[in-house]
N, C-alpha and C. Protein backbone atom coordinates (compact mmCIF):
# COMPACT_ATOMS: atom_id res chain seq x y z
N MET A 1 85.15 110.24 119.18
CA MET A 1 86.49 110.34 118.66
C MET A 1 86.46 111.03 117.30
N GLU A 2 87.17 112.11 117.21
CA GLU A 2 87.23 112.87 115.97
C GLU A 2 88.18 112.16 114.99
N LYS A 3 87.73 111.89 113.76
CA LYS A 3 88.52 111.14 112.80
C LYS A 3 89.06 111.99 111.66
N SER A 4 88.83 113.24 111.69
CA SER A 4 89.27 114.12 110.62
C SER A 4 90.78 114.29 110.61
N ILE A 5 91.34 114.45 109.41
CA ILE A 5 92.77 114.75 109.32
C ILE A 5 93.02 116.18 109.77
N HIS A 6 91.95 116.90 110.03
CA HIS A 6 92.08 118.28 110.48
C HIS A 6 91.89 118.42 111.99
N SER A 7 91.92 117.32 112.70
CA SER A 7 91.75 117.36 114.15
C SER A 7 93.03 117.84 114.83
N ALA A 8 92.88 118.29 116.05
CA ALA A 8 94.04 118.74 116.83
C ALA A 8 94.99 117.58 117.09
N ASP A 9 94.45 116.39 117.32
CA ASP A 9 95.29 115.21 117.56
C ASP A 9 96.11 114.86 116.32
N TYR A 10 95.49 114.95 115.15
CA TYR A 10 96.23 114.63 113.93
C TYR A 10 97.30 115.68 113.67
N ALA A 11 97.06 116.91 114.07
CA ALA A 11 98.09 117.96 113.94
C ALA A 11 99.31 117.61 114.78
N VAL A 12 99.09 117.04 115.96
CA VAL A 12 100.20 116.60 116.80
C VAL A 12 100.95 115.47 116.11
N PHE A 13 100.20 114.52 115.56
CA PHE A 13 100.82 113.42 114.82
C PHE A 13 101.71 113.95 113.70
N LEU A 14 101.20 114.91 112.94
CA LEU A 14 101.98 115.48 111.83
C LEU A 14 103.24 116.18 112.32
N ARG A 15 103.13 116.87 113.43
CA ARG A 15 104.31 117.55 114.00
C ARG A 15 105.39 116.52 114.37
N VAL A 16 104.98 115.43 115.01
CA VAL A 16 105.92 114.37 115.40
C VAL A 16 106.50 113.70 114.15
N PHE A 17 105.66 113.51 113.16
CA PHE A 17 106.08 112.89 111.90
C PHE A 17 107.16 113.74 111.21
N ARG A 18 106.90 115.04 111.07
CA ARG A 18 107.88 115.94 110.43
C ARG A 18 109.18 115.98 111.24
N HIS A 19 109.03 116.02 112.55
CA HIS A 19 110.22 116.06 113.41
C HIS A 19 111.06 114.79 113.22
N ALA A 20 110.41 113.66 113.10
CA ALA A 20 111.13 112.39 112.91
C ALA A 20 111.92 112.41 111.60
N ARG A 21 111.31 112.94 110.55
CA ARG A 21 112.03 113.02 109.27
C ARG A 21 113.23 113.93 109.39
N ARG A 22 113.02 115.10 109.97
CA ARG A 22 114.12 116.06 110.10
C ARG A 22 115.22 115.53 111.01
N SER A 23 114.83 114.86 112.09
CA SER A 23 115.82 114.29 113.02
C SER A 23 116.65 113.20 112.35
N ALA A 24 116.05 112.53 111.37
CA ALA A 24 116.77 111.50 110.62
C ALA A 24 117.69 112.13 109.57
N GLY A 25 117.61 113.46 109.42
CA GLY A 25 118.45 114.16 108.45
C GLY A 25 118.02 113.96 107.02
N LEU A 26 116.72 113.71 106.83
CA LEU A 26 116.21 113.44 105.49
C LEU A 26 115.41 114.61 104.94
N THR A 27 115.59 114.89 103.66
CA THR A 27 114.69 115.81 102.98
C THR A 27 113.46 115.01 102.56
N GLN A 28 112.42 115.70 102.14
CA GLN A 28 111.25 114.99 101.65
C GLN A 28 111.61 114.13 100.44
N ALA A 29 112.45 114.64 99.57
CA ALA A 29 112.85 113.89 98.37
C ALA A 29 113.64 112.63 98.74
N GLN A 30 114.53 112.74 99.71
CA GLN A 30 115.31 111.57 100.14
C GLN A 30 114.40 110.53 100.78
N LEU A 31 113.48 110.99 101.60
CA LEU A 31 112.53 110.07 102.23
C LEU A 31 111.69 109.37 101.18
N ALA A 32 111.19 110.15 100.23
CA ALA A 32 110.36 109.59 99.16
C ALA A 32 111.10 108.49 98.41
N LYS A 33 112.35 108.74 98.10
CA LYS A 33 113.15 107.74 97.38
C LYS A 33 113.29 106.46 98.19
N GLN A 34 113.50 106.61 99.49
CA GLN A 34 113.67 105.43 100.36
C GLN A 34 112.42 104.57 100.44
N ILE A 35 111.25 105.21 100.36
CA ILE A 35 110.01 104.44 100.49
C ILE A 35 109.37 104.13 99.13
N GLY A 36 110.03 104.54 98.05
CA GLY A 36 109.52 104.23 96.72
C GLY A 36 108.36 105.08 96.27
N GLU A 37 108.33 106.31 96.74
CA GLU A 37 107.28 107.25 96.37
C GLU A 37 107.94 108.50 95.80
N ASN A 38 107.12 109.50 95.49
CA ASN A 38 107.68 110.77 95.04
C ASN A 38 107.57 111.81 96.14
N GLN A 39 108.27 112.91 95.96
CA GLN A 39 108.31 113.96 96.98
C GLN A 39 106.93 114.54 97.25
N THR A 40 106.10 114.63 96.23
CA THR A 40 104.74 115.17 96.39
C THR A 40 103.94 114.32 97.37
N PHE A 41 104.10 113.01 97.31
CA PHE A 41 103.42 112.10 98.22
C PHE A 41 103.80 112.42 99.66
N VAL A 42 105.10 112.56 99.90
CA VAL A 42 105.58 112.87 101.26
C VAL A 42 105.05 114.22 101.70
N SER A 43 105.09 115.20 100.82
CA SER A 43 104.60 116.53 101.16
C SER A 43 103.12 116.50 101.55
N LYS A 44 102.33 115.78 100.78
CA LYS A 44 100.89 115.68 101.10
C LYS A 44 100.67 114.99 102.44
N CYS A 45 101.48 113.98 102.73
CA CYS A 45 101.38 113.31 104.03
C CYS A 45 101.72 114.27 105.15
N GLU A 46 102.81 115.02 104.98
CA GLU A 46 103.25 115.95 106.03
C GLU A 46 102.30 117.11 106.24
N ARG A 47 101.60 117.52 105.20
CA ARG A 47 100.66 118.64 105.32
C ARG A 47 99.28 118.17 105.78
N GLY A 48 99.09 116.86 105.85
CA GLY A 48 97.80 116.34 106.30
C GLY A 48 96.78 116.25 105.18
N GLU A 49 97.22 116.40 103.95
CA GLU A 49 96.30 116.27 102.81
C GLU A 49 96.02 114.80 102.51
N ARG A 50 96.89 113.94 102.98
CA ARG A 50 96.73 112.51 102.77
C ARG A 50 96.97 111.79 104.09
N ARG A 51 96.00 111.00 104.49
CA ARG A 51 96.10 110.26 105.75
C ARG A 51 97.07 109.09 105.57
N ILE A 52 97.84 108.81 106.59
CA ILE A 52 98.85 107.76 106.55
C ILE A 52 98.29 106.52 107.26
N ASP A 53 98.32 105.38 106.57
CA ASP A 53 97.86 104.16 107.24
C ASP A 53 99.02 103.52 108.00
N VAL A 54 98.73 102.53 108.79
CA VAL A 54 99.73 101.96 109.70
C VAL A 54 100.87 101.28 108.94
N MET A 55 100.59 100.66 107.81
CA MET A 55 101.66 100.02 107.05
C MET A 55 102.58 101.07 106.41
N GLU A 56 102.01 102.17 105.97
CA GLU A 56 102.83 103.27 105.44
C GLU A 56 103.67 103.86 106.56
N LEU A 57 103.05 104.03 107.73
CA LEU A 57 103.79 104.58 108.86
C LEU A 57 104.97 103.68 109.22
N ARG A 58 104.77 102.41 109.14
CA ARG A 58 105.86 101.46 109.43
C ARG A 58 107.01 101.65 108.44
N ALA A 59 106.69 101.84 107.17
CA ALA A 59 107.73 102.07 106.16
C ALA A 59 108.43 103.40 106.41
N PHE A 60 107.67 104.42 106.76
CA PHE A 60 108.27 105.71 107.09
C PHE A 60 109.23 105.57 108.28
N CYS A 61 108.76 104.89 109.31
CA CYS A 61 109.59 104.71 110.51
C CYS A 61 110.90 104.00 110.18
N ASP A 62 110.82 103.00 109.34
CA ASP A 62 112.02 102.29 108.92
C ASP A 62 113.00 103.26 108.26
N ALA A 63 112.49 104.13 107.41
CA ALA A 63 113.34 105.13 106.76
C ALA A 63 113.89 106.13 107.76
N PHE A 64 113.14 106.42 108.82
CA PHE A 64 113.60 107.34 109.86
C PHE A 64 114.64 106.69 110.78
N GLY A 65 114.77 105.38 110.70
CA GLY A 65 115.66 104.67 111.60
C GLY A 65 115.02 104.42 112.96
N LEU A 66 113.70 104.39 112.97
CA LEU A 66 112.92 104.16 114.19
C LEU A 66 112.07 102.91 114.03
N THR A 67 111.77 102.27 115.14
CA THR A 67 110.75 101.23 115.10
C THR A 67 109.40 101.93 115.21
N LEU A 68 108.37 101.23 114.81
CA LEU A 68 107.03 101.77 114.96
C LEU A 68 106.75 102.06 116.44
N LYS A 69 107.22 101.19 117.30
CA LYS A 69 107.03 101.36 118.74
C LYS A 69 107.71 102.65 119.24
N GLN A 70 108.91 102.93 118.76
CA GLN A 70 109.61 104.15 119.15
C GLN A 70 108.83 105.40 118.70
N PHE A 71 108.33 105.35 117.46
CA PHE A 71 107.58 106.49 116.95
C PHE A 71 106.32 106.71 117.78
N VAL A 72 105.60 105.63 118.05
CA VAL A 72 104.35 105.75 118.82
C VAL A 72 104.65 106.25 120.23
N SER A 73 105.75 105.84 120.82
CA SER A 73 106.13 106.33 122.15
C SER A 73 106.35 107.85 122.12
N LYS A 74 107.02 108.32 121.07
CA LYS A 74 107.24 109.77 120.92
C LYS A 74 105.90 110.48 120.73
N LEU A 75 105.03 109.89 119.93
CA LEU A 75 103.72 110.47 119.70
C LEU A 75 102.93 110.53 121.00
N GLU A 76 102.94 109.47 121.77
CA GLU A 76 102.22 109.44 123.05
C GLU A 76 102.74 110.51 124.02
N ARG A 77 104.05 110.66 124.08
CA ARG A 77 104.63 111.69 124.96
C ARG A 77 104.16 113.08 124.54
N GLU A 78 104.17 113.33 123.24
CA GLU A 78 103.73 114.64 122.74
C GLU A 78 102.25 114.86 122.98
N MET A 79 101.44 113.83 122.75
CA MET A 79 99.99 113.94 122.98
C MET A 79 99.71 114.21 124.46
N ASN A 80 100.41 113.50 125.34
CA ASN A 80 100.24 113.72 126.77
C ASN A 80 100.65 115.12 127.17
N SER A 81 101.72 115.63 126.59
CA SER A 81 102.19 116.97 126.88
C SER A 81 101.16 118.01 126.46
N VAL A 82 100.58 117.82 125.29
CA VAL A 82 99.55 118.74 124.79
C VAL A 82 98.32 118.70 125.69
N GLN A 83 97.92 117.50 126.12
CA GLN A 83 96.76 117.38 126.99
C GLN A 83 97.02 118.03 128.35
N GLU A 84 98.22 117.88 128.87
CA GLU A 84 98.58 118.54 130.15
C GLU A 84 98.50 120.05 130.02
N THR A 85 98.97 120.57 128.91
CA THR A 85 98.94 122.01 128.68
C THR A 85 97.51 122.50 128.62
N LYS A 86 96.61 121.73 127.99
CA LYS A 86 95.21 122.11 127.88
C LYS A 86 94.53 122.13 129.24
N ARG A 87 94.94 121.25 130.15
CA ARG A 87 94.31 121.16 131.48
C ARG A 87 94.65 122.34 132.37
N ARG A 88 95.75 122.99 132.09
CA ARG A 88 96.19 124.10 132.94
C ARG A 88 95.42 125.34 132.72
């Protein structure tokens, strides 16, 4: 299992993460304010410069208006889609 923030799987996670923020209609600055951080923190998370732990992800999801379970379901669908594309 590749654990790098530069892995293909983590790139999928970041894509789903950014999409969730945008779908919630939040800018990075608005999201940062909701979670008690600064915009630079959010930017680093979205670019993959900083790994997100599960408790942080839960706080992000709350700000997105999603449960952690909903976010993970979206992530799983996207990961499965990417894997299907690779198999073809």
